[in-house]
Amino acid sequence: DIVPPWSKGPWLLLFGAGVALTAAILIYTALGTGASPDSVYHAPSL
């Protein structure tokens, strides 16, 4: 008789998990990707 309702969801927990996942991805992108610090950047040119 009891069907789990959408409105009684763990919204704060889901939001926290989403924020944590987003933070983890942004931290990985900032620290784990890109060129090495001693490389030289050449700007776009015509």
ModelCIF file with pLDDT and N, C-alpha, C, O atoms, coordinates in Angstrom:
data_MODEL
#
_entry.id   MODEL 
#
_entity.id                         1 
_entity.type                       polymer 
_entity.pdbx_number_of_molecules   1 
#
_entity_poly.entity_id                      1 
_entity_poly.type                           'polypeptide(L)' 
_entity_poly.nstd_linkage                   no 
_entity_poly.nstd_monomer                   no 
_entity_poly.pdbx_seq_one_letter_code       DIVPPWSKGPWLLLFGAGVALTAAILIYTALGTGASPDSVYHAPSL 
_entity_poly.pdbx_seq_one_letter_code_can   DIVPPWSKGPWLLLFGAGVALTAAILIYTALGTGASPDSVYHAPSL 
_entity_poly.pdbx_strand_id                 A 
#
loop_
_entity_poly_seq.entity_id 
_entity_poly_seq.num 
_entity_poly_seq.mon_id 
_entity_poly_seq.hetero 
1 1  ASP n 
1 2  ILE n 
1 3  VAL n 
1 4  PRO n 
1 5  PRO n 
1 6  TRP n 
1 7  SER n 
1 8  LYS n 
1 9  GLY n 
1 10 PRO n 
1 11 TRP n 
1 12 LEU n 
1 13 LEU n 
1 14 LEU n 
1 15 PHE n 
1 16 GLY n 
1 17 ALA n 
1 18 GLY n 
1 19 VAL n 
1 20 ALA n 
1 21 LEU n 
1 22 THR n 
1 23 ALA n 
1 24 ALA n 
1 25 ILE n 
1 26 LEU n 
1 27 ILE n 
1 28 TYR n 
1 29 THR n 
1 30 ALA n 
1 31 LEU n 
1 32 GLY n 
1 33 THR n 
1 34 GLY n 
1 35 ALA n 
1 36 SER n 
1 37 PRO n 
1 38 ASP n 
1 39 SER n 
1 40 VAL n 
1 41 TYR n 
1 42 HIS n 
1 43 ALA n 
1 44 PRO n 
1 45 SER n 
1 46 LEU n 
#
_struct_asym.id          A 
_struct_asym.entity_id   1 
#
loop_
_ma_qa_metric.id 
_ma_qa_metric.mode 
_ma_qa_metric.name 
_ma_qa_metric.software_group_id 
_ma_qa_metric.type 
1 global pLDDT . pLDDT 
2 local  pLDDT . pLDDT 
#
_ma_qa_metric_global.metric_id      1 
_ma_qa_metric_global.metric_value   88.61 
_ma_qa_metric_global.model_id       1 
_ma_qa_metric_global.ordinal_id     1 
#
loop_
_ma_qa_metric_local.label_asym_id 
_ma_qa_metric_local.label_comp_id 
_ma_qa_metric_local.label_seq_id 
_ma_qa_metric_local.metric_id 
_ma_qa_metric_local.metric_value 
_ma_qa_metric_local.model_id 
_ma_qa_metric_local.ordinal_id 
A ASP 1  2 77.00 1 1  
A ILE 2  2 80.00 1 2  
A VAL 3  2 72.00 1 3  
A PRO 4  2 76.00 1 4  
A PRO 5  2 83.00 1 5  
A TRP 6  2 83.00 1 6  
A SER 7  2 86.00 1 7  
A LYS 8  2 85.00 1 8  
A GLY 9  2 87.00 1 9  
A PRO 10 2 92.00 1 10 
A TRP 11 2 94.00 1 11 
A LEU 12 2 95.00 1 12 
A LEU 13 2 96.00 1 13 
A LEU 14 2 96.00 1 14 
A PHE 15 2 96.00 1 15 
A GLY 16 2 97.00 1 16 
A ALA 17 2 97.00 1 17 
A GLY 18 2 96.00 1 18 
A VAL 19 2 96.00 1 19 
A ALA 20 2 97.00 1 20 
A LEU 21 2 96.00 1 21 
A THR 22 2 94.00 1 22 
A ALA 23 2 95.00 1 23 
A ALA 24 2 94.00 1 24 
A ILE 25 2 92.00 1 25 
A LEU 26 2 91.00 1 26 
A ILE 27 2 93.00 1 27 
A TYR 28 2 91.00 1 28 
A THR 29 2 88.00 1 29 
A ALA 30 2 86.00 1 30 
A LEU 31 2 88.00 1 31 
A GLY 32 2 83.00 1 32 
A THR 33 2 78.00 1 33 
A GLY 34 2 78.00 1 34 
A ALA 35 2 79.00 1 35 
A SER 36 2 80.00 1 36 
A PRO 37 2 80.00 1 37 
A ASP 38 2 85.00 1 38 
A SER 39 2 88.00 1 39 
A VAL 40 2 90.00 1 40 
A TYR 41 2 90.00 1 41 
A HIS 42 2 89.00 1 42 
A ALA 43 2 92.00 1 43 
A PRO 44 2 93.00 1 44 
A SER 45 2 91.00 1 45 
A LEU 46 2 91.00 1 46 
#
loop_
_atom_site.group_PDB 
_atom_site.id 
_atom_site.type_symbol 
_atom_site.label_atom_id 
_atom_site.label_alt_id 
_atom_site.label_comp_id 
_atom_site.label_asym_id 
_atom_site.label_entity_id 
_atom_site.label_seq_id 
_atom_site.pdbx_PDB_ins_code 
_atom_site.Cartn_x 
_atom_site.Cartn_y 
_atom_site.Cartn_z 
_atom_site.occupancy 
_atom_site.B_iso_or_equiv 
_atom_site.pdbx_formal_charge 
_atom_site.auth_seq_id 
_atom_site.auth_comp_id 
_atom_site.auth_asym_id 
_atom_site.auth_atom_id 
_atom_site.pdbx_PDB_model_num 
ATOM 1   N N  . ASP A 1 1  ? 0.818  -1.208 0.000   1.00 77.00 ? 1  ASP A N  1 
ATOM 2   C CA . ASP A 1 1  ? 0.000  0.000  0.000   1.00 77.00 ? 1  ASP A CA 1 
ATOM 3   C C  . ASP A 1 1  ? 0.853  1.260  0.000   1.00 77.00 ? 1  ASP A C  1 
ATOM 4   O O  . ASP A 1 1  ? 0.420  2.301  -0.494  1.00 77.00 ? 1  ASP A O  1 
ATOM 5   N N  . ILE A 1 2  ? 2.061  1.175  0.549   1.00 80.00 ? 2  ILE A N  1 
ATOM 6   C CA . ILE A 1 2  ? 2.927  2.344  0.658   1.00 80.00 ? 2  ILE A CA 1 
ATOM 7   C C  . ILE A 1 2  ? 3.866  2.391  -0.542  1.00 80.00 ? 2  ILE A C  1 
ATOM 8   O O  . ILE A 1 2  ? 4.712  1.518  -0.735  1.00 80.00 ? 2  ILE A O  1 
ATOM 9   N N  . VAL A 1 3  ? 3.689  3.429  -1.331  1.00 72.00 ? 3  VAL A N  1 
ATOM 10  C CA . VAL A 1 3  ? 4.550  3.658  -2.486  1.00 72.00 ? 3  VAL A CA 1 
ATOM 11  C C  . VAL A 1 3  ? 5.407  4.877  -2.167  1.00 72.00 ? 3  VAL A C  1 
ATOM 12  O O  . VAL A 1 3  ? 4.868  5.907  -1.763  1.00 72.00 ? 3  VAL A O  1 
ATOM 13  N N  . PRO A 1 4  ? 6.722  4.792  -2.336  1.00 76.00 ? 4  PRO A N  1 
ATOM 14  C CA . PRO A 1 4  ? 7.570  5.933  -1.996  1.00 76.00 ? 4  PRO A CA 1 
ATOM 15  C C  . PRO A 1 4  ? 7.184  7.183  -2.805  1.00 76.00 ? 4  PRO A C  1 
ATOM 16  O O  . PRO A 1 4  ? 7.190  7.145  -4.035  1.00 76.00 ? 4  PRO A O  1 
ATOM 17  N N  . PRO A 1 5  ? 6.849  8.287  -2.125  1.00 83.00 ? 5  PRO A N  1 
ATOM 18  C CA . PRO A 1 5  ? 6.476  9.508  -2.851  1.00 83.00 ? 5  PRO A CA 1 
ATOM 19  C C  . PRO A 1 5  ? 7.709  10.335 -3.251  1.00 83.00 ? 5  PRO A C  1 
ATOM 20  O O  . PRO A 1 5  ? 8.729  10.326 -2.561  1.00 83.00 ? 5  PRO A O  1 
ATOM 21  N N  . TRP A 1 6  ? 7.596  11.027 -4.348  1.00 83.00 ? 6  TRP A N  1 
ATOM 22  C CA . TRP A 1 6  ? 8.667  11.900 -4.842  1.00 83.00 ? 6  TRP A CA 1 
ATOM 23  C C  . TRP A 1 6  ? 8.884  13.080 -3.889  1.00 83.00 ? 6  TRP A C  1 
ATOM 24  O O  . TRP A 1 6  ? 10.012 13.532 -3.696  1.00 83.00 ? 6  TRP A O  1 
ATOM 25  N N  . SER A 1 7  ? 7.812  13.563 -3.308  1.00 86.00 ? 7  SER A N  1 
ATOM 26  C CA . SER A 1 7  ? 7.900  14.760 -2.458  1.00 86.00 ? 7  SER A CA 1 
ATOM 27  C C  . SER A 1 7  ? 8.613  14.508 -1.132  1.00 86.00 ? 7  SER A C  1 
ATOM 28  O O  . SER A 1 7  ? 9.038  15.465 -0.486  1.00 86.00 ? 7  SER A O  1 
ATOM 29  N N  . LYS A 1 8  ? 8.754  13.275 -0.712  1.00 85.00 ? 8  LYS A N  1 
ATOM 30  C CA . LYS A 1 8  ? 9.416  12.954 0.557   1.00 85.00 ? 8  LYS A CA 1 
ATOM 31  C C  . LYS A 1 8  ? 10.881 12.558 0.343   1.00 85.00 ? 8  LYS A C  1 
ATOM 32  O O  . LYS A 1 8  ? 11.483 11.901 1.192   1.00 85.00 ? 8  LYS A O  1 
ATOM 33  N N  . GLY A 1 9  ? 11.441 12.959 -0.785  1.00 87.00 ? 9  GLY A N  1 
ATOM 34  C CA . GLY A 1 9  ? 12.815 12.586 -1.109  1.00 87.00 ? 9  GLY A CA 1 
ATOM 35  C C  . GLY A 1 9  ? 13.853 13.250 -0.222  1.00 87.00 ? 9  GLY A C  1 
ATOM 36  O O  . GLY A 1 9  ? 13.571 14.268 0.411   1.00 87.00 ? 9  GLY A O  1 
ATOM 37  N N  . PRO A 1 10 ? 15.035 12.691 -0.171  1.00 92.00 ? 10 PRO A N  1 
ATOM 38  C CA . PRO A 1 10 ? 16.126 13.253 0.633   1.00 92.00 ? 10 PRO A CA 1 
ATOM 39  C C  . PRO A 1 10 ? 16.810 14.402 -0.111  1.00 92.00 ? 10 PRO A C  1 
ATOM 40  O O  . PRO A 1 10 ? 17.959 14.275 -0.534  1.00 92.00 ? 10 PRO A O  1 
ATOM 41  N N  . TRP A 1 11 ? 16.106 15.514 -0.268  1.00 94.00 ? 11 TRP A N  1 
ATOM 42  C CA . TRP A 1 11 ? 16.572 16.592 -1.136  1.00 94.00 ? 11 TRP A CA 1 
ATOM 43  C C  . TRP A 1 11 ? 17.882 17.220 -0.680  1.00 94.00 ? 11 TRP A C  1 
ATOM 44  O O  . TRP A 1 11 ? 18.753 17.495 -1.505  1.00 94.00 ? 11 TRP A O  1 
ATOM 45  N N  . LEU A 1 12 ? 18.031 17.448 0.608   1.00 95.00 ? 12 LEU A N  1 
ATOM 46  C CA . LEU A 1 12 ? 19.259 18.052 1.103   1.00 95.00 ? 12 LEU A CA 1 
ATOM 47  C C  . LEU A 1 12 ? 20.445 17.120 0.874   1.00 95.00 ? 12 LEU A C  1 
ATOM 48  O O  . LEU A 1 12 ? 21.528 17.570 0.498   1.00 95.00 ? 12 LEU A O  1 
ATOM 49  N N  . LEU A 1 13 ? 20.245 15.843 1.098   1.00 96.00 ? 13 LEU A N  1 
ATOM 50  C CA . LEU A 1 13 ? 21.307 14.868 0.859   1.00 96.00 ? 13 LEU A CA 1 
ATOM 51  C C  . LEU A 1 13 ? 21.673 14.809 -0.627  1.00 96.00 ? 13 LEU A C  1 
ATOM 52  O O  . LEU A 1 13 ? 22.853 14.754 -0.973  1.00 96.00 ? 13 LEU A O  1 
ATOM 53  N N  . LEU A 1 14 ? 20.677 14.820 -1.492  1.00 96.00 ? 14 LEU A N  1 
ATOM 54  C CA . LEU A 1 14 ? 20.940 14.786 -2.933  1.00 96.00 ? 14 LEU A CA 1 
ATOM 55  C C  . LEU A 1 14 ? 21.662 16.048 -3.383  1.00 96.00 ? 14 LEU A C  1 
ATOM 56  O O  . LEU A 1 14 ? 22.587 15.982 -4.192  1.00 96.00 ? 14 LEU A O  1 
ATOM 57  N N  . PHE A 1 15 ? 21.243 17.194 -2.862  1.00 96.00 ? 15 PHE A N  1 
ATOM 58  C CA . PHE A 1 15 ? 21.903 18.443 -3.214  1.00 96.00 ? 15 PHE A CA 1 
ATOM 59  C C  . PHE A 1 15 ? 23.351 18.445 -2.721  1.00 96.00 ? 15 PHE A C  1 
ATOM 60  O O  . PHE A 1 15 ? 24.257 18.874 -3.436  1.00 96.00 ? 15 PHE A O  1 
ATOM 61  N N  . GLY A 1 16 ? 23.559 17.965 -1.503  1.00 97.00 ? 16 GLY A N  1 
ATOM 62  C CA . GLY A 1 16 ? 24.916 17.874 -0.967  1.00 97.00 ? 16 GLY A CA 1 
ATOM 63  C C  . GLY A 1 16 ? 25.797 16.945 -1.783  1.00 97.00 ? 16 GLY A C  1 
ATOM 64  O O  . GLY A 1 16 ? 26.970 17.236 -2.014  1.00 97.00 ? 16 GLY A O  1 
ATOM 65  N N  . ALA A 1 17 ? 25.228 15.825 -2.221  1.00 97.00 ? 17 ALA A N  1 
ATOM 66  C CA . ALA A 1 17 ? 25.990 14.898 -3.071  1.00 97.00 ? 17 ALA A CA 1 
ATOM 67  C C  . ALA A 1 17 ? 26.336 15.545 -4.404  1.00 97.00 ? 17 ALA A C  1 
ATOM 68  O O  . ALA A 1 17 ? 27.436 15.353 -4.922  1.00 97.00 ? 17 ALA A O  1 
ATOM 69  N N  . GLY A 1 18 ? 25.401 16.311 -4.962  1.00 96.00 ? 18 GLY A N  1 
ATOM 70  C CA . GLY A 1 18 ? 25.672 17.005 -6.218  1.00 96.00 ? 18 GLY A CA 1 
ATOM 71  C C  . GLY A 1 18 ? 26.752 18.058 -6.070  1.00 96.00 ? 18 GLY A C  1 
ATOM 72  O O  . GLY A 1 18 ? 27.618 18.188 -6.935  1.00 96.00 ? 18 GLY A O  1 
ATOM 73  N N  . VAL A 1 19 ? 26.710 18.813 -4.978  1.00 96.00 ? 19 VAL A N  1 
ATOM 74  C CA . VAL A 1 19 ? 27.737 19.830 -4.729  1.00 96.00 ? 19 VAL A CA 1 
ATOM 75  C C  . VAL A 1 19 ? 29.095 19.172 -4.517  1.00 96.00 ? 19 VAL A C  1 
ATOM 76  O O  . VAL A 1 19 ? 30.105 19.657 -5.027  1.00 96.00 ? 19 VAL A O  1 
ATOM 77  N N  . ALA A 1 20 ? 29.126 18.073 -3.769  1.00 97.00 ? 20 ALA A N  1 
ATOM 78  C CA . ALA A 1 20 ? 30.392 17.366 -3.533  1.00 97.00 ? 20 ALA A CA 1 
ATOM 79  C C  . ALA A 1 20 ? 30.959 16.799 -4.831  1.00 97.00 ? 20 ALA A C  1 
ATOM 80  O O  . ALA A 1 20 ? 32.164 16.876 -5.072  1.00 97.00 ? 20 ALA A O  1 
ATOM 81  N N  . LEU A 1 21 ? 30.097 16.233 -5.661  1.00 96.00 ? 21 LEU A N  1 
ATOM 82  C CA . LEU A 1 21 ? 30.545 15.695 -6.949  1.00 96.00 ? 21 LEU A CA 1 
ATOM 83  C C  . LEU A 1 21 ? 31.056 16.804 -7.861  1.00 96.00 ? 21 LEU A C  1 
ATOM 84  O O  . LEU A 1 21 ? 32.077 16.640 -8.530  1.00 96.00 ? 21 LEU A O  1 
ATOM 85  N N  . THR A 1 22 ? 30.353 17.928 -7.889  1.00 94.00 ? 22 THR A N  1 
ATOM 86  C CA . THR A 1 22 ? 30.800 19.071 -8.691  1.00 94.00 ? 22 THR A CA 1 
ATOM 87  C C  . THR A 1 22 ? 32.143 19.587 -8.191  1.00 94.00 ? 22 THR A C  1 
ATOM 88  O O  . THR A 1 22 ? 33.037 19.863 -8.991  1.00 94.00 ? 22 THR A O  1 
ATOM 89  N N  . ALA A 1 23 ? 32.292 19.718 -6.881  1.00 95.00 ? 23 ALA A N  1 
ATOM 90  C CA . ALA A 1 23 ? 33.558 20.190 -6.311  1.00 95.00 ? 23 ALA A CA 1 
ATOM 91  C C  . ALA A 1 23 ? 34.690 19.236 -6.656  1.00 95.00 ? 23 ALA A C  1 
ATOM 92  O O  . ALA A 1 23 ? 35.782 19.678 -7.011  1.00 95.00 ? 23 ALA A O  1 
ATOM 93  N N  . ALA A 1 24 ? 34.445 17.934 -6.556  1.00 94.00 ? 24 ALA A N  1 
ATOM 94  C CA . ALA A 1 24 ? 35.483 16.955 -6.881  1.00 94.00 ? 24 ALA A CA 1 
ATOM 95  C C  . ALA A 1 24 ? 35.911 17.059 -8.343  1.00 94.00 ? 24 ALA A C  1 
ATOM 96  O O  . ALA A 1 24 ? 37.099 16.976 -8.653  1.00 94.00 ? 24 ALA A O  1 
ATOM 97  N N  . ILE A 1 25 ? 34.954 17.238 -9.228  1.00 92.00 ? 25 ILE A N  1 
ATOM 98  C CA . ILE A 1 25 ? 35.282 17.353 -10.651 1.00 92.00 ? 25 ILE A CA 1 
ATOM 99  C C  . ILE A 1 25 ? 36.042 18.641 -10.929 1.00 92.00 ? 25 ILE A C  1 
ATOM 100 O O  . ILE A 1 25 ? 36.999 18.635 -11.703 1.00 92.00 ? 25 ILE A O  1 
ATOM 101 N N  . LEU A 1 26 ? 35.635 19.740 -10.314 1.00 91.00 ? 26 LEU A N  1 
ATOM 102 C CA . LEU A 1 26 ? 36.341 21.005 -10.534 1.00 91.00 ? 26 LEU A CA 1 
ATOM 103 C C  . LEU A 1 26 ? 37.752 20.964 -9.950  1.00 91.00 ? 26 LEU A C  1 
ATOM 104 O O  . LEU A 1 26 ? 38.683 21.500 -10.551 1.00 91.00 ? 26 LEU A O  1 
ATOM 105 N N  . ILE A 1 27 ? 37.917 20.340 -8.798  1.00 93.00 ? 27 ILE A N  1 
ATOM 106 C CA . ILE A 1 27 ? 39.255 20.225 -8.210  1.00 93.00 ? 27 ILE A CA 1 
ATOM 107 C C  . ILE A 1 27 ? 40.143 19.346 -9.088  1.00 93.00 ? 27 ILE A C  1 
ATOM 108 O O  . ILE A 1 27 ? 41.306 19.673 -9.325  1.00 93.00 ? 27 ILE A O  1 
ATOM 109 N N  . TYR A 1 28 ? 39.593 18.232 -9.569  1.00 91.00 ? 28 TYR A N  1 
ATOM 110 C CA . TYR A 1 28 ? 40.376 17.372 -10.464 1.00 91.00 ? 28 TYR A CA 1 
ATOM 111 C C  . TYR A 1 28 ? 40.777 18.126 -11.730 1.00 91.00 ? 28 TYR A C  1 
ATOM 112 O O  . TYR A 1 28 ? 41.919 18.026 -12.177 1.00 91.00 ? 28 TYR A O  1 
ATOM 113 N N  . THR A 1 29 ? 39.849 18.875 -12.303 1.00 88.00 ? 29 THR A N  1 
ATOM 114 C CA . THR A 1 29 ? 40.147 19.623 -13.521 1.00 88.00 ? 29 THR A CA 1 
ATOM 115 C C  . THR A 1 29 ? 41.218 20.669 -13.270 1.00 88.00 ? 29 THR A C  1 
ATOM 116 O O  . THR A 1 29 ? 42.105 20.858 -14.102 1.00 88.00 ? 29 THR A O  1 
ATOM 117 N N  . ALA A 1 30 ? 41.149 21.350 -12.136 1.00 86.00 ? 30 ALA A N  1 
ATOM 118 C CA . ALA A 1 30 ? 42.120 22.397 -11.830 1.00 86.00 ? 30 ALA A CA 1 
ATOM 119 C C  . ALA A 1 30 ? 43.503 21.821 -11.562 1.00 86.00 ? 30 ALA A C  1 
ATOM 120 O O  . ALA A 1 30 ? 44.502 22.397 -11.992 1.00 86.00 ? 30 ALA A O  1 
ATOM 121 N N  . LEU A 1 31 ? 43.576 20.707 -10.866 1.00 88.00 ? 31 LEU A N  1 
ATOM 122 C CA . LEU A 1 31 ? 44.868 20.168 -10.456 1.00 88.00 ? 31 LEU A CA 1 
ATOM 123 C C  . LEU A 1 31 ? 45.411 19.078 -11.365 1.00 88.00 ? 31 LEU A C  1 
ATOM 124 O O  . LEU A 1 31 ? 46.622 18.864 -11.416 1.00 88.00 ? 31 LEU A O  1 
ATOM 125 N N  . GLY A 1 32 ? 44.543 18.393 -12.077 1.00 83.00 ? 32 GLY A N  1 
ATOM 126 C CA . GLY A 1 32 ? 44.983 17.226 -12.827 1.00 83.00 ? 32 GLY A CA 1 
ATOM 127 C C  . GLY A 1 32 ? 45.084 17.391 -14.325 1.00 83.00 ? 32 GLY A C  1 
ATOM 128 O O  . GLY A 1 32 ? 45.525 16.469 -15.011 1.00 83.00 ? 32 GLY A O  1 
ATOM 129 N N  . THR A 1 33 ? 44.694 18.522 -14.849 1.00 78.00 ? 33 THR A N  1 
ATOM 130 C CA . THR A 1 33 ? 44.741 18.701 -16.292 1.00 78.00 ? 33 THR A CA 1 
ATOM 131 C C  . THR A 1 33 ? 45.511 19.970 -16.634 1.00 78.00 ? 33 THR A C  1 
ATOM 132 O O  . THR A 1 33 ? 45.851 20.761 -15.754 1.00 78.00 ? 33 THR A O  1 
ATOM 133 N N  . GLY A 1 34 ? 45.774 20.148 -17.893 1.00 78.00 ? 34 GLY A N  1 
ATOM 134 C CA . GLY A 1 34 ? 46.453 21.362 -18.340 1.00 78.00 ? 34 GLY A CA 1 
ATOM 135 C C  . GLY A 1 34 ? 47.923 21.121 -18.615 1.00 78.00 ? 34 GLY A C  1 
ATOM 136 O O  . GLY A 1 34 ? 48.436 20.012 -18.473 1.00 78.00 ? 34 GLY A O  1 
ATOM 137 N N  . ALA A 1 35 ? 48.573 22.183 -19.007 1.00 79.00 ? 35 ALA A N  1 
ATOM 138 C CA . ALA A 1 35 ? 49.985 22.113 -19.343 1.00 79.00 ? 35 ALA A CA 1 
ATOM 139 C C  . ALA A 1 35 ? 50.827 22.208 -18.075 1.00 79.00 ? 35 ALA A C  1 
ATOM 140 O O  . ALA A 1 35 ? 50.352 22.652 -17.029 1.00 79.00 ? 35 ALA A O  1 
ATOM 141 N N  . SER A 1 36 ? 52.070 21.788 -18.185 1.00 80.00 ? 36 SER A N  1 
ATOM 142 C CA . SER A 1 36 ? 52.961 21.874 -17.035 1.00 80.00 ? 36 SER A CA 1 
ATOM 143 C C  . SER A 1 36 ? 53.282 23.341 -16.745 1.00 80.00 ? 36 SER A C  1 
ATOM 144 O O  . SER A 1 36 ? 53.239 24.172 -17.652 1.00 80.00 ? 36 SER A O  1 
ATOM 145 N N  . PRO A 1 37 ? 53.600 23.660 -15.508 1.00 80.00 ? 37 PRO A N  1 
ATOM 146 C CA . PRO A 1 37 ? 53.834 25.057 -15.130 1.00 80.00 ? 37 PRO A CA 1 
ATOM 147 C C  . PRO A 1 37 ? 55.019 25.717 -15.843 1.00 80.00 ? 37 PRO A C  1 
ATOM 148 O O  . PRO A 1 37 ? 55.060 26.941 -15.969 1.00 80.00 ? 37 PRO A O  1 
ATOM 149 N N  . ASP A 1 38 ? 55.969 24.925 -16.302 1.00 85.00 ? 38 ASP A N  1 
ATOM 150 C CA . ASP A 1 38 ? 57.133 25.533 -16.951 1.00 85.00 ? 38 ASP A CA 1 
ATOM 151 C C  . ASP A 1 38 ? 56.984 25.648 -18.470 1.00 85.00 ? 38 ASP A C  1 
ATOM 152 O O  . ASP A 1 38 ? 57.949 25.998 -19.150 1.00 85.00 ? 38 ASP A O  1 
ATOM 153 N N  . SER A 1 39 ? 55.806 25.366 -19.014 1.00 88.00 ? 39 SER A N  1 
ATOM 154 C CA . SER A 1 39 ? 55.601 25.479 -20.453 1.00 88.00 ? 39 SER A CA 1 
ATOM 155 C C  . SER A 1 39 ? 55.320 26.930 -20.856 1.00 88.00 ? 39 SER A C  1 
ATOM 156 O O  . SER A 1 39 ? 54.947 27.763 -20.030 1.00 88.00 ? 39 SER A O  1 
ATOM 157 N N  . VAL A 1 40 ? 55.506 27.202 -22.133 1.00 90.00 ? 40 VAL A N  1 
ATOM 158 C CA . VAL A 1 40 ? 55.320 28.546 -22.676 1.00 90.00 ? 40 VAL A CA 1 
ATOM 159 C C  . VAL A 1 40 ? 54.055 28.564 -23.514 1.00 90.00 ? 40 VAL A C  1 
ATOM 160 O O  . VAL A 1 40 ? 53.839 27.685 -24.349 1.00 90.00 ? 40 VAL A O  1 
ATOM 161 N N  . TYR A 1 41 ? 53.207 29.583 -23.286 1.00 90.00 ? 41 TYR A N  1 
ATOM 162 C CA . TYR A 1 41 ? 51.949 29.706 -24.026 1.00 90.00 ? 41 TYR A CA 1 
ATOM 163 C C  . TYR A 1 41 ? 52.153 30.596 -25.235 1.00 90.00 ? 41 TYR A C  1 
ATOM 164 O O  . TYR A 1 41 ? 52.716 31.686 -25.126 1.00 90.00 ? 41 TYR A O  1 
ATOM 165 N N  . HIS A 1 42 ? 51.694 30.130 -26.389 1.00 89.00 ? 42 HIS A N  1 
ATOM 166 C CA . HIS A 1 42 ? 51.709 30.920 -27.621 1.00 89.00 ? 42 HIS A CA 1 
ATOM 167 C C  . HIS A 1 42 ? 50.270 31.315 -27.921 1.00 89.00 ? 42 HIS A C  1 
ATOM 168 O O  . HIS A 1 42 ? 49.408 30.459 -28.118 1.00 89.00 ? 42 HIS A O  1 
ATOM 169 N N  . ALA A 1 43 ? 50.022 32.601 -27.953 1.00 92.00 ? 43 ALA A N  1 
ATOM 170 C CA . ALA A 1 43 ? 48.673 33.130 -28.157 1.00 92.00 ? 43 ALA A CA 1 
ATOM 171 C C  . ALA A 1 43 ? 48.177 32.836 -29.570 1.00 92.00 ? 43 ALA A C  1 
ATOM 172 O O  . ALA A 1 43 ? 48.980 32.602 -30.474 1.00 92.00 ? 43 ALA A O  1 
ATOM 173 N N  . PRO A 1 44 ? 46.848 32.847 -29.765 1.00 93.00 ? 44 PRO A N  1 
ATOM 174 C CA . PRO A 1 44 ? 46.314 32.676 -31.116 1.00 93.00 ? 44 PRO A CA 1 
ATOM 175 C C  . PRO A 1 44 ? 46.836 33.778 -32.022 1.00 93.00 ? 44 PRO A C  1 
ATOM 176 O O  . PRO A 1 44 ? 47.065 34.908 -31.591 1.00 93.00 ? 44 PRO A O  1 
ATOM 177 N N  . SER A 1 45 ? 47.018 33.423 -33.284 1.00 91.00 ? 45 SER A N  1 
ATOM 178 C CA . SER A 1 45 ? 47.532 34.410 -34.239 1.00 91.00 ? 45 SER A CA 1 
ATOM 179 C C  . SER A 1 45 ? 46.808 34.251 -35.562 1.00 91.00 ? 45 SER A C  1 
ATOM 180 O O  . SER A 1 45 ? 46.196 33.222 -35.849 1.00 91.00 ? 45 SER A O  1 
ATOM 181 N N  . LEU A 1 46 ? 46.898 35.289 -36.344 1.00 91.00 ? 46 LEU A N  1 
ATOM 182 C CA . LEU A 1 46 ? 46.281 35.292 -37.667 1.00 91.00 ? 46 LEU A CA 1 
ATOM 183 C C  . LEU A 1 46 ? 47.291 34.730 -38.649 1.00 91.00 ? 46 LEU A C  1 
ATOM 184 O O  . LEU A 1 46 ? 47.002 34.630 -39.841 1.00 91.00 ? 46 LEU A O  1 
#
